[in-house]
Amino acid sequence: MAGPSGKPDPAAAPKLRLDKWLWQARFFKSRTLAAEVIAEGHVRVNGTRISRPGRDVSEGDTLTFPQGNRIRVVRITALGIRRGPATEAQALYVDLDAASALDPLE
């Protein structure tokens, strides 16, 4: 994030657009789909309903959003650099959904 002088502020936490992070973490097949779900107001960041796909997120934020017939609750542990394979994407978050932790078949 740039400061008043236009130079990057080294003390600022790194951030990434919400739609881009959801796409990189492989929750949605495209950024357009992620942006549509966000714009419809179905995503919460730290408990606050978000309707702007360009909303910045950072490490430690908790996201709540629908995926198929489930409600996902995840905490961001890292910001991705690219949309990589599924194993790389799973390293970007911790699943806080108690139902998936209890059900070994999922």
PDB file of N, CA and C in Angstrom:
ATOM      1  N   MET A   1       0.852  -1.173   0.000  1.00  0.00           N
ATOM      2  CA  MET A   1       0.000   0.000   0.000  1.00  0.00           C
ATOM      3  C   MET A   1       0.894   1.232   0.000  1.00  0.00           C
ATOM      4  N   ALA A   2       0.606   2.163  -0.849  1.00  0.00           N
ATOM      5  CA  ALA A   2       1.418   3.367  -0.963  1.00  0.00           C
ATOM      6  C   ALA A   2       1.016   4.375   0.102  1.00  0.00           C
ATOM      7  N   GLY A   3       2.005   5.082   0.589  1.00  0.00           N
ATOM      8  CA  GLY A   3       1.762   6.135   1.564  1.00  0.00           C
ATOM      9  C   GLY A   3       1.455   7.443   0.853  1.00  0.00           C
ATOM     10  N   PRO A   4       1.409   8.552   1.602  1.00  0.00           N
ATOM     11  CA  PRO A   4       1.100   9.855   1.005  1.00  0.00           C
ATOM     12  C   PRO A   4       2.094  10.279  -0.068  1.00  0.00           C
ATOM     13  N   SER A   5       3.317   9.813   0.028  1.00  0.00           N
ATOM     14  CA  SER A   5       4.319  10.200  -0.958  1.00  0.00           C
ATOM     15  C   SER A   5       4.238   9.348  -2.223  1.00  0.00           C
ATOM     16  N   GLY A   6       3.386   8.326  -2.216  1.00  0.00           N
ATOM     17  CA  GLY A   6       3.275   7.448  -3.369  1.00  0.00           C
ATOM     18  C   GLY A   6       4.244   6.289  -3.324  1.00  0.00           C
ATOM     19  N   LYS A   7       5.108   6.272  -2.314  1.00  0.00           N
ATOM     20  CA  LYS A   7       6.071   5.185  -2.170  1.00  0.00           C
ATOM     21  C   LYS A   7       5.454   4.085  -1.321  1.00  0.00           C
ATOM     22  N   PRO A   8       5.810   2.830  -1.585  1.00  0.00           N
ATOM     23  CA  PRO A   8       5.275   1.729  -0.776  1.00  0.00           C
ATOM     24  C   PRO A   8       5.659   1.878   0.698  1.00  0.00           C
ATOM     25  N   ASP A   9       4.710   1.569   1.559  1.00  0.00           N
ATOM     26  CA  ASP A   9       4.940   1.620   2.997  1.00  0.00           C
ATOM     27  C   ASP A   9       5.405   0.242   3.452  1.00  0.00           C
ATOM     28  N   PRO A  10       6.671   0.101   3.884  1.00  0.00           N
ATOM     29  CA  PRO A  10       7.174  -1.215   4.283  1.00  0.00           C
ATOM     30  C   PRO A  10       6.486  -1.763   5.537  1.00  0.00           C
ATOM     31  N   ALA A  11       5.836  -0.912   6.330  1.00  0.00           N
ATOM     32  CA  ALA A  11       5.172  -1.370   7.547  1.00  0.00           C
ATOM     33  C   ALA A  11       3.762  -1.896   7.268  1.00  0.00           C
ATOM     34  N   ALA A  12       3.229  -1.636   6.083  1.00  0.00           N
ATOM     35  CA  ALA A  12       1.872  -2.072   5.748  1.00  0.00           C
ATOM     36  C   ALA A  12       1.844  -3.579   5.515  1.00  0.00           C
ATOM     37  N   ALA A  13       0.780  -4.216   6.015  1.00  0.00           N
ATOM     38  CA  ALA A  13       0.623  -5.655   5.815  1.00  0.00           C
ATOM     39  C   ALA A  13       0.288  -5.936   4.353  1.00  0.00           C
ATOM     40  N   PRO A  14       0.845  -7.003   3.796  1.00  0.00           N
ATOM     41  CA  PRO A  14       0.509  -7.343   2.409  1.00  0.00           C
ATOM     42  C   PRO A  14      -0.974  -7.687   2.293  1.00  0.00           C
ATOM     43  N   LYS A  15      -1.574  -7.277   1.187  1.00  0.00           N
ATOM     44  CA  LYS A  15      -3.004  -7.507   0.973  1.00  0.00           C
ATOM     45  C   LYS A  15      -3.231  -8.023  -0.434  1.00  0.00           C
ATOM     46  N   LEU A  16      -4.401  -8.643  -0.634  1.00  0.00           N
ATOM     47  CA  LEU A  16      -4.777  -9.176  -1.934  1.00  0.00           C
ATOM     48  C   LEU A  16      -6.281  -9.007  -2.091  1.00  0.00           C
ATOM     49  N   ARG A  17      -6.734  -8.790  -3.315  1.00  0.00           N
ATOM     50  CA  ARG A  17      -8.179  -8.674  -3.571  1.00  0.00           C
ATOM     51  C   ARG A  17      -8.884  -9.953  -3.145  1.00  0.00           C
ATOM     52  N   LEU A  18     -10.067  -9.799  -2.571  1.00  0.00           N
ATOM     53  CA  LEU A  18     -10.841 -10.933  -2.082  1.00  0.00           C
ATOM     54  C   LEU A  18     -11.189 -11.911  -3.204  1.00  0.00           C
ATOM     55  N   ASP A  19     -11.666 -11.407  -4.339  1.00  0.00           N
ATOM     56  CA  ASP A  19     -12.027 -12.316  -5.434  1.00  0.00           C
ATOM     57  C   ASP A  19     -10.822 -13.083  -5.949  1.00  0.00           C
ATOM     58  N   LYS A  20      -9.666 -12.432  -5.995  1.00  0.00           N
ATOM     59  CA  LYS A  20      -8.452 -13.089  -6.464  1.00  0.00           C
ATOM     60  C   LYS A  20      -7.997 -14.162  -5.478  1.00  0.00           C
ATOM     61  N   TRP A  21      -8.081 -13.874  -4.170  1.00  0.00           N
ATOM     62  CA  TRP A  21      -7.670 -14.863  -3.179  1.00  0.00           C
ATOM     63  C   TRP A  21      -8.580 -16.096  -3.229  1.00  0.00           C
ATOM     64  N   LEU A  22      -9.899 -15.890  -3.320  1.00  0.00           N
ATOM     65  CA  LEU A  22     -10.829 -17.026  -3.392  1.00  0.00           C
ATOM     66  C   LEU A  22     -10.558 -17.882  -4.625  1.00  0.00           C
ATOM     67  N   TRP A  23     -10.192 -17.260  -5.729  1.00  0.00           N
ATOM     68  CA  TRP A  23      -9.863 -17.981  -6.951  1.00  0.00           C
ATOM     69  C   TRP A  23      -8.533 -18.729  -6.801  1.00  0.00           C
ATOM     70  N   GLN A  24      -7.514 -18.059  -6.245  1.00  0.00           N
ATOM     71  CA  GLN A  24      -6.212 -18.705  -6.067  1.00  0.00           C
ATOM     72  C   GLN A  24      -6.288 -19.877  -5.091  1.00  0.00           C
ATOM     73  N   ALA A  25      -7.153 -19.773  -4.091  1.00  0.00           N
ATOM     74  CA  ALA A  25      -7.310 -20.848  -3.111  1.00  0.00           C
ATOM     75  C   ALA A  25      -8.221 -21.955  -3.644  1.00  0.00           C
ATOM     76  N   ARG A  26      -8.673 -21.821  -4.882  1.00  0.00           N
ATOM     77  CA  ARG A  26      -9.452 -22.829  -5.595  1.00  0.00           C
ATOM     78  C   ARG A  26     -10.834 -23.094  -5.003  1.00  0.00           C
ATOM     79  N   PHE A  27     -11.460 -22.057  -4.436  1.00  0.00           N
ATOM     80  CA  PHE A  27     -12.834 -22.190  -3.984  1.00  0.00           C
ATOM     81  C   PHE A  27     -13.805 -21.949  -5.137  1.00  0.00           C
ATOM     82  N   PHE A  28     -13.353 -21.206  -6.162  1.00  0.00           N
ATOM     83  CA  PHE A  28     -14.173 -20.914  -7.337  1.00  0.00           C
ATOM     84  C   PHE A  28     -13.347 -21.170  -8.591  1.00  0.00           C
ATOM     85  N   LYS A  29     -14.016 -21.589  -9.665  1.00  0.00           N
ATOM     86  CA  LYS A  29     -13.316 -21.921 -10.904  1.00  0.00           C
ATOM     87  C   LYS A  29     -12.802 -20.690 -11.644  1.00  0.00           C
ATOM     88  N   SER A  30     -13.406 -19.525 -11.379  1.00  0.00           N
ATOM     89  CA  SER A  30     -12.947 -18.302 -12.038  1.00  0.00           C
ATOM     90  C   SER A  30     -13.098 -17.119 -11.077  1.00  0.00           C
ATOM     91  N   ARG A  31     -12.354 -16.065 -11.374  1.00  0.00           N
ATOM     92  CA  ARG A  31     -12.495 -14.842 -10.573  1.00  0.00           C
ATOM     93  C   ARG A  31     -13.864 -14.228 -10.794  1.00  0.00           C
ATOM     94  N   THR A  32     -14.432 -14.400 -11.976  1.00  0.00           N
ATOM     95  CA  THR A  32     -15.751 -13.857 -12.259  1.00  0.00           C
ATOM     96  C   THR A  32     -16.799 -14.494 -11.352  1.00  0.00           C
ATOM     97  N   LEU A  33     -16.751 -15.802 -11.175  1.00  0.00           N
ATOM     98  CA  LEU A  33     -17.690 -16.482 -10.278  1.00  0.00           C
ATOM     99  C   LEU A  33     -17.511 -16.011  -8.840  1.00  0.00           C
ATOM    100  N   ALA A  34     -16.265 -15.874  -8.413  1.00  0.00           N
ATOM    101  CA  ALA A  34     -15.998 -15.386  -7.059  1.00  0.00           C
ATOM    102  C   ALA A  34     -16.541 -13.976  -6.889  1.00  0.00           C
ATOM    103  N   ALA A  35     -16.332 -13.123  -7.884  1.00  0.00           N
ATOM    104  CA  ALA A  35     -16.797 -11.739  -7.815  1.00  0.00           C
ATOM    105  C   ALA A  35     -18.320 -11.669  -7.763  1.00  0.00           C
ATOM    106  N   GLU A  36     -18.999 -12.559  -8.493  1.00  0.00           N
ATOM    107  CA  GLU A  36     -20.460 -12.569  -8.477  1.00  0.00           C
ATOM    108  C   GLU A  36     -21.006 -12.926  -7.097  1.00  0.00           C
ATOM    109  N   VAL A  37     -20.422 -13.937  -6.456  1.00  0.00           N
ATOM    110  CA  VAL A  37     -20.866 -14.342  -5.120  1.00  0.00           C
ATOM    111  C   VAL A  37     -20.624 -13.213  -4.120  1.00  0.00           C
ATOM    112  N   ILE A  38     -19.481 -12.539  -4.258  1.00  0.00           N
ATOM    113  CA  ILE A  38     -19.169 -11.418  -3.362  1.00  0.00           C
ATOM    114  C   ILE A  38     -20.143 -10.268  -3.599  1.00  0.00           C
ATOM    115  N   ALA A  39     -20.363  -9.917  -4.867  1.00  0.00           N
ATOM    116  CA  ALA A  39     -21.242  -8.791  -5.208  1.00  0.00           C
ATOM    117  C   ALA A  39     -22.678  -9.024  -4.737  1.00  0.00           C
ATOM    118  N   GLU A  40     -23.107 -10.276  -4.684  1.00  0.00           N
ATOM    119  CA  GLU A  40     -24.447 -10.598  -4.199  1.00  0.00           C
ATOM    120  C   GLU A  40     -24.545 -10.509  -2.678  1.00  0.00           C
ATOM    121  N   GLY A  41     -23.411 -10.271  -2.008  1.00  0.00           N
ATOM    122  CA  GLY A  41     -23.411 -10.098  -0.557  1.00  0.00           C
ATOM    123  C   GLY A  41     -23.383 -11.398   0.231  1.00  0.00           C
ATOM    124  N   HIS A  42     -22.907 -12.474  -0.400  1.00  0.00           N
ATOM    125  CA  HIS A  42     -22.891 -13.773   0.263  1.00  0.00           C
ATOM    126  C   HIS A  42     -21.588 -14.071   0.998  1.00  0.00           C
ATOM    127  N   VAL A  43     -20.646 -13.145   1.010  1.00  0.00           N
ATOM    128  CA  VAL A  43     -19.348 -13.379   1.646  1.00  0.00           C
ATOM    129  C   VAL A  43     -19.178 -12.434   2.833  1.00  0.00           C
ATOM    130  N   ARG A  44     -18.641 -12.986   3.909  1.00  0.00           N
ATOM    131  CA  ARG A  44     -18.335 -12.174   5.090  1.00  0.00           C
ATOM    132  C   ARG A  44     -16.841 -12.260   5.366  1.00  0.00           C
ATOM    133  N   VAL A  45     -16.250 -11.123   5.710  1.00  0.00           N
ATOM    134  CA  VAL A  45     -14.852 -11.055   6.123  1.00  0.00           C
ATOM    135  C   VAL A  45     -14.843 -10.592   7.564  1.00  0.00           C
ATOM    136  N   ASN A  46     -14.348 -11.431   8.442  1.00  0.00           N
ATOM    137  CA  ASN A  46     -14.326 -11.145   9.876  1.00  0.00           C
ATOM    138  C   ASN A  46     -15.721 -10.772  10.393  1.00  0.00           C
ATOM    139  N   GLY A  47     -16.751 -11.451   9.864  1.00  0.00           N
ATOM    140  CA  GLY A  47     -18.121 -11.239  10.315  1.00  0.00           C
ATOM    141  C   GLY A  47     -18.857 -10.099   9.653  1.00  0.00           C
ATOM    142  N   THR A  48     -18.200  -9.337   8.793  1.00  0.00           N
ATOM    143  CA  THR A  48     -18.823  -8.203   8.116  1.00  0.00           C
ATOM    144  C   THR A  48     -19.173  -8.587   6.685  1.00  0.00           C
ATOM    145  N   ARG A  49     -20.433  -8.374   6.302  1.00  0.00           N
ATOM    146  CA  ARG A  49     -20.876  -8.693   4.940  1.00  0.00           C
ATOM    147  C   ARG A  49     -20.152  -7.778   3.948  1.00  0.00           C
ATOM    148  N   ILE A  50     -19.634  -8.378   2.888  1.00  0.00           N
ATOM    149  CA  ILE A  50     -18.859  -7.657   1.880  1.00  0.00           C
ATOM    150  C   ILE A  50     -19.581  -7.755   0.540  1.00  0.00           C
ATOM    151  N   SER A  51     -19.619  -6.650  -0.210  1.00  0.00           N
ATOM    152  CA  SER A  51     -20.221  -6.688  -1.540  1.00  0.00           C
ATOM    153  C   SER A  51     -19.291  -6.118  -2.612  1.00  0.00           C
ATOM    154  N   ARG A  52     -18.028  -5.861  -2.236  1.00  0.00           N
ATOM    155  CA  ARG A  52     -17.040  -5.359  -3.199  1.00  0.00           C
ATOM    156  C   ARG A  52     -15.993  -6.431  -3.465  1.00  0.00           C
ATOM    157  N   PRO A  53     -15.913  -6.963  -4.683  1.00  0.00           N
ATOM    158  CA  PRO A  53     -14.903  -7.981  -4.985  1.00  0.00           C
ATOM    159  C   PRO A  53     -13.475  -7.475  -4.796  1.00  0.00           C
ATOM    160  N   GLY A  54     -13.267  -6.171  -4.886  1.00  0.00           N
ATOM    161  CA  GLY A  54     -11.937  -5.603  -4.742  1.00  0.00           C
ATOM    162  C   GLY A  54     -11.517  -5.353  -3.304  1.00  0.00           C
ATOM    163  N   ARG A  55     -12.314  -5.770  -2.347  1.00  0.00           N
ATOM    164  CA  ARG A  55     -11.999  -5.588  -0.920  1.00  0.00           C
ATOM    165  C   ARG A  55     -10.698  -6.329  -0.616  1.00  0.00           C
ATOM    166  N   ASP A  56      -9.765  -5.669   0.040  1.00  0.00           N
ATOM    167  CA  ASP A  56      -8.486  -6.282   0.372  1.00  0.00           C
ATOM    168  C   ASP A  56      -8.630  -7.215   1.567  1.00  0.00           C
ATOM    169  N   VAL A  57      -7.946  -8.362   1.496  1.00  0.00           N
ATOM    170  CA  VAL A  57      -7.860  -9.288   2.623  1.00  0.00           C
ATOM    171  C   VAL A  57      -6.388  -9.529   2.914  1.00  0.00           C
ATOM    172  N   SER A  58      -6.112  -9.955   4.134  1.00  0.00           N
ATOM    173  CA  SER A  58      -4.735 -10.239   4.511  1.00  0.00           C
ATOM    174  C   SER A  58      -4.708 -11.464   5.408  1.00  0.00           C
ATOM    175  N   GLU A  59      -3.509 -11.904   5.746  1.00  0.00           N
ATOM    176  CA  GLU A  59      -3.354 -13.076   6.604  1.00  0.00           C
ATOM    177  C   GLU A  59      -4.056 -12.843   7.935  1.00  0.00           C
ATOM    178  N   GLY A  60      -4.757 -13.874   8.413  1.00  0.00           N
ATOM    179  CA  GLY A  60      -5.459 -13.782   9.675  1.00  0.00           C
ATOM    180  C   GLY A  60      -6.937 -13.463   9.533  1.00  0.00           C
ATOM    181  N   ASP A  61      -7.380 -13.001   8.356  1.00  0.00           N
ATOM    182  CA  ASP A  61      -8.801 -12.715   8.140  1.00  0.00           C
ATOM    183  C   ASP A  61      -9.583 -14.026   8.091  1.00  0.00           C
ATOM    184  N   THR A  62     -10.818 -13.993   8.597  1.00  0.00           N
ATOM    185  CA  THR A  62     -11.705 -15.150   8.559  1.00  0.00           C
ATOM    186  C   THR A  62     -12.802 -14.882   7.534  1.00  0.00           C
ATOM    187  N   LEU A  63     -12.993 -15.836   6.621  1.00  0.00           N
ATOM    188  CA  LEU A  63     -13.985 -15.711   5.565  1.00  0.00           C
ATOM    189  C   LEU A  63     -15.109 -16.712   5.772  1.00  0.00           C
ATOM    190  N   THR A  64     -16.336 -16.276   5.520  1.00  0.00           N
ATOM    191  CA  THR A  64     -17.510 -17.146   5.555  1.00  0.00           C
ATOM    192  C   THR A  64     -18.230 -16.961   4.232  1.00  0.00           C
ATOM    193  N   PHE A  65     -18.461 -18.067   3.502  1.00  0.00           N
ATOM    194  CA  PHE A  65     -19.093 -17.963   2.187  1.00  0.00           C
ATOM    195  C   PHE A  65     -19.713 -19.304   1.804  1.00  0.00           C
ATOM    196  N   PRO A  66     -20.724 -19.272   0.902  1.00  0.00           N
ATOM    197  CA  PRO A  66     -21.330 -20.523   0.445  1.00  0.00           C
ATOM    198  C   PRO A  66     -20.482 -21.152  -0.654  1.00  0.00           C
ATOM    199  N   GLN A  67     -20.440 -22.481  -0.638  1.00  0.00           N
ATOM    200  CA  GLN A  67     -19.787 -23.222  -1.713  1.00  0.00           C
ATOM    201  C   GLN A  67     -20.628 -24.466  -1.948  1.00  0.00           C
ATOM    202  N   GLY A  68     -21.332 -24.494  -3.052  1.00  0.00           N
ATOM    203  CA  GLY A  68     -22.262 -25.588  -3.308  1.00  0.00           C
ATOM    204  C   GLY A  68     -23.388 -25.530  -2.288  1.00  0.00           C
ATOM    205  N   ASN A  69     -23.613 -26.639  -1.591  1.00  0.00           N
ATOM    206  CA  ASN A  69     -24.661 -26.665  -0.571  1.00  0.00           C
ATOM    207  C   ASN A  69     -24.095 -26.531   0.842  1.00  0.00           C
ATOM    208  N   ARG A  70     -22.857 -26.076   0.970  1.00  0.00           N
ATOM    209  CA  ARG A  70     -22.188 -25.901   2.261  1.00  0.00           C
ATOM    210  C   ARG A  70     -21.871 -24.442   2.520  1.00  0.00           C
ATOM    211  N   ILE A  71     -21.714 -24.120   3.786  1.00  0.00           N
ATOM    212  CA  ILE A  71     -21.195 -22.812   4.180  1.00  0.00           C
ATOM    213  C   ILE A  71     -19.768 -23.050   4.651  1.00  0.00           C
ATOM    214  N   ARG A  72     -18.811 -22.406   4.002  1.00  0.00           N
ATOM    215  CA  ARG A  72     -17.395 -22.585   4.340  1.00  0.00           C
ATOM    216  C   ARG A  72     -16.962 -21.483   5.294  1.00  0.00           C
ATOM    217  N   VAL A  73     -16.151 -21.845   6.270  1.00  0.00           N
ATOM    218  CA  VAL A  73     -15.540 -20.890   7.192  1.00  0.00           C
ATOM    219  C   VAL A  73     -14.051 -21.209   7.190  1.00  0.00           C
ATOM    220  N   VAL A  74     -13.247 -20.260   6.700  1.00  0.00           N
ATOM    221  CA  VAL A  74     -11.802 -20.479   6.595  1.00  0.00           C
ATOM    222  C   VAL A  74     -11.048 -19.262   7.114  1.00  0.00           C
ATOM    223  N   ARG A  75      -9.845 -19.503   7.618  1.00  0.00           N
ATOM    224  CA  ARG A  75      -8.956 -18.422   8.036  1.00  0.00           C
ATOM    225  C   ARG A  75      -7.791 -18.376   7.062  1.00  0.00           C
ATOM    226  N   ILE A  76      -7.500 -17.200   6.559  1.00  0.00           N
ATOM    227  CA  ILE A  76      -6.400 -17.018   5.605  1.00  0.00           C
ATOM    228  C   ILE A  76      -5.076 -17.127   6.351  1.00  0.00           C
ATOM    229  N   THR A  77      -4.220 -18.050   5.901  1.00  0.00           N
ATOM    230  CA  THR A  77      -2.896 -18.205   6.509  1.00  0.00           C
ATOM    231  C   THR A  77      -1.790 -17.654   5.624  1.00  0.00           C
ATOM    232  N   ALA A  78      -2.081 -17.497   4.323  1.00  0.00           N
ATOM    233  CA  ALA A  78      -1.075 -16.962   3.404  1.00  0.00           C
ATOM    234  C   ALA A  78      -1.770 -16.358   2.192  1.00  0.00           C
ATOM    235  N   LEU A  79      -1.090 -15.415   1.563  1.00  0.00           N
ATOM    236  CA  LEU A  79      -1.580 -14.822   0.316  1.00  0.00           C
ATOM    237  C   LEU A  79      -0.841 -15.508  -0.820  1.00  0.00           C
ATOM    238  N   GLY A  80      -1.573 -15.951  -1.811  1.00  0.00           N
ATOM    239  CA  GLY A  80      -0.954 -16.661  -2.917  1.00  0.00           C
ATOM    240  C   GLY A  80      -0.259 -15.735  -3.891  1.00  0.00           C
ATOM    241  N   ILE A  81       0.663 -16.291  -4.614  1.00  0.00           N
ATOM    242  CA  ILE A  81       1.358 -15.563  -5.670  1.00  0.00           C
ATOM    243  C   ILE A  81       0.735 -15.920  -7.015  1.00  0.00           C
ATOM    244  N   ARG A  82       0.217 -17.151  -7.091  1.00  0.00           N
ATOM    245  CA  ARG A  82      -0.375 -17.640  -8.332  1.00  0.00           C
ATOM    246  C   ARG A  82      -1.456 -18.661  -8.006  1.00  0.00           C
ATOM    247  N   ARG A  83      -2.221 -19.070  -9.008  1.00  0.00           N
ATOM    248  CA  ARG A  83      -3.191 -20.152  -8.837  1.00  0.00           C
ATOM    249  C   ARG A  83      -2.461 -21.438  -9.188  1.00  0.00           C
ATOM    250  N   GLY A  84      -2.004 -22.127  -8.168  1.00  0.00           N
ATOM    251  CA  GLY A  84      -1.234 -23.343  -8.369  1.00  0.00           C
ATOM    252  C   GLY A  84      -2.076 -24.588  -8.190  1.00  0.00           C
ATOM    253  N   PRO A  85      -1.425 -25.725  -8.017  1.00  0.00           N
ATOM    254  CA  PRO A  85      -2.152 -26.973  -7.817  1.00  0.00           C
ATOM    255  C   PRO A  85      -2.905 -26.980  -6.484  1.00  0.00           C
ATOM    256  N   ALA A  86      -3.803 -27.934  -6.316  1.00  0.00           N
ATOM    257  CA  ALA A  86      -4.652 -28.005  -5.125  1.00  0.00           C
ATOM    258  C   ALA A  86      -3.834 -28.077  -3.834  1.00  0.00           C
ATOM    259  N   THR A  87      -2.733 -28.799  -3.842  1.00  0.00           N
ATOM    260  CA  THR A  87      -1.916 -28.903  -2.630  1.00  0.00           C
ATOM    261  C   THR A  87      -1.346 -27.551  -2.226  1.00  0.00           C
ATOM    262  N   GLU A  88      -0.964 -26.763  -3.213  1.00  0.00           N
ATOM    263  CA  GLU A  88      -0.458 -25.417  -2.945  1.00  0.00           C
ATOM    264  C   GLU A  88      -1.583 -24.508  -2.443  1.00  0.00           C
ATOM    265  N   ALA A  89      -2.771 -24.654  -3.023  1.00  0.00           N
ATOM    266  CA  ALA A  89      -3.914 -23.834  -2.635  1.00  0.00           C
ATOM    267  C   ALA A  89      -4.345 -24.147  -1.203  1.00  0.00           C
ATOM    268  N   GLN A  90      -4.283 -25.394  -0.781  1.00  0.00           N
ATOM    269  CA  GLN A  90      -4.698 -25.772   0.571  1.00  0.00           C
ATOM    270  C   GLN A  90      -3.776 -25.195   1.640  1.00  0.00           C
ATOM    271  N   ALA A  91      -2.583 -24.793   1.262  1.00  0.00           N
ATOM    272  CA  ALA A  91      -1.656 -24.183   2.216  1.00  0.00           C
ATOM    273  C   ALA A  91      -1.997 -22.715   2.487  1.00  0.00           C
ATOM    274  N   LEU A  92      -2.963 -22.161   1.739  1.00  0.00           N
ATOM    275  CA  LEU A  92      -3.327 -20.752   1.896  1.00  0.00           C
ATOM    276  C   LEU A  92      -4.343 -20.513   2.998  1.00  0.00           C
ATOM    277  N   TYR A  93      -4.950 -21.575   3.540  1.00  0.00           N
ATOM    278  CA  TYR A  93      -6.021 -21.385   4.521  1.00  0.00           C
ATOM    279  C   TYR A  93      -6.101 -22.551   5.501  1.00  0.00           C
ATOM    280  N   VAL A  94      -6.816 -22.294   6.601  1.00  0.00           N
ATOM    281  CA  VAL A  94      -7.166 -23.326   7.570  1.00  0.00           C
ATOM    282  C   VAL A  94      -8.681 -23.413   7.571  1.00  0.00           C
ATOM    283  N   ASP A  95      -9.209 -24.616   7.395  1.00  0.00           N
ATOM    284  CA  ASP A  95     -10.661 -24.817   7.379  1.00  0.00           C
ATOM    285  C   ASP A  95     -11.166 -24.828   8.819  1.00  0.00           C
ATOM    286  N   LEU A  96     -12.045 -23.896   9.148  1.00  0.00           N
ATOM    287  CA  LEU A  96     -12.599 -23.790  10.495  1.00  0.00           C
ATOM    288  C   LEU A  96     -13.974 -24.423  10.605  1.00  0.00           C
ATOM    289  N   ASP A  97     -14.446 -25.024   9.529  1.00  0.00           N
ATOM    290  CA  ASP A  97     -15.775 -25.633   9.503  1.00  0.00           C
ATOM    291  C   ASP A  97     -15.759 -26.920  10.336  1.00  0.00           C
ATOM    292  N   ALA A  98     -16.486 -26.921  11.442  1.00  0.00           N
ATOM    293  CA  ALA A  98     -16.510 -28.064  12.352  1.00  0.00           C
ATOM    294  C   ALA A  98     -17.117 -29.301  11.686  1.00  0.00           C
ATOM    295  N   ALA A  99     -18.087 -29.125  10.795  1.00  0.00           N
ATOM    296  CA  ALA A  99     -18.741 -30.274  10.161  1.00  0.00           C
ATOM    297  C   ALA A  99     -17.754 -31.071   9.303  1.00  0.00           C
ATOM    298  N   SER A 100     -16.896 -30.398   8.560  1.00  0.00           N
ATOM    299  CA  SER A 100     -15.953 -31.119   7.720  1.00  0.00           C
ATOM    300  C   SER A 100     -14.866 -31.784   8.541  1.00  0.00           C
ATOM    301  N   ALA A 101     -14.547 -31.232   9.699  1.00  0.00           N
ATOM    302  CA  ALA A 101     -13.547 -31.838  10.570  1.00  0.00           C
ATOM    303  C   ALA A 101     -14.076 -33.118  11.217  1.00  0.00           C
ATOM    304  N   LEU A 102     -15.393 -33.189  11.432  1.00  0.00           N
ATOM    305  CA  LEU A 102     -15.997 -34.353  12.063  1.00  0.00           C
ATOM    306  C   LEU A 102     -16.333 -35.451  11.080  1.00  0.00           C
ATOM    307  N   ASP A 103     -16.521 -35.114   9.819  1.00  0.00           N
ATOM    308  CA  ASP A 103     -16.911 -36.072   8.804  1.00  0.00           C
ATOM    309  C   ASP A 103     -15.683 -36.531   8.011  1.00  0.00           C
ATOM    310  N   PRO A 104     -15.175 -37.745   8.262  1.00  0.00           N
ATOM    311  CA  PRO A 104     -13.957 -38.188   7.581  1.00  0.00           C
ATOM    312  C   PRO A 104     -14.174 -38.529   6.113  1.00  0.00           C
ATOM    313  N   LEU A 105     -15.426 -38.607   5.644  1.00  0.00           N
ATOM    314  CA  LEU A 105     -15.689 -38.943   4.255  1.00  0.00           C
ATOM    315  C   LEU A 105     -15.547 -37.766   3.311  1.00  0.00           C
ATOM    316  N   GLU A 106     -15.474 -36.554   3.798  1.00  0.00           N
ATOM    317  CA  GLU A 106     -15.350 -35.388   2.923  1.00  0.00           C
ATOM    318  C   GLU A 106     -13.917 -35.058   2.664  1.00  0.00           C
TER     319      GLU A 106
END
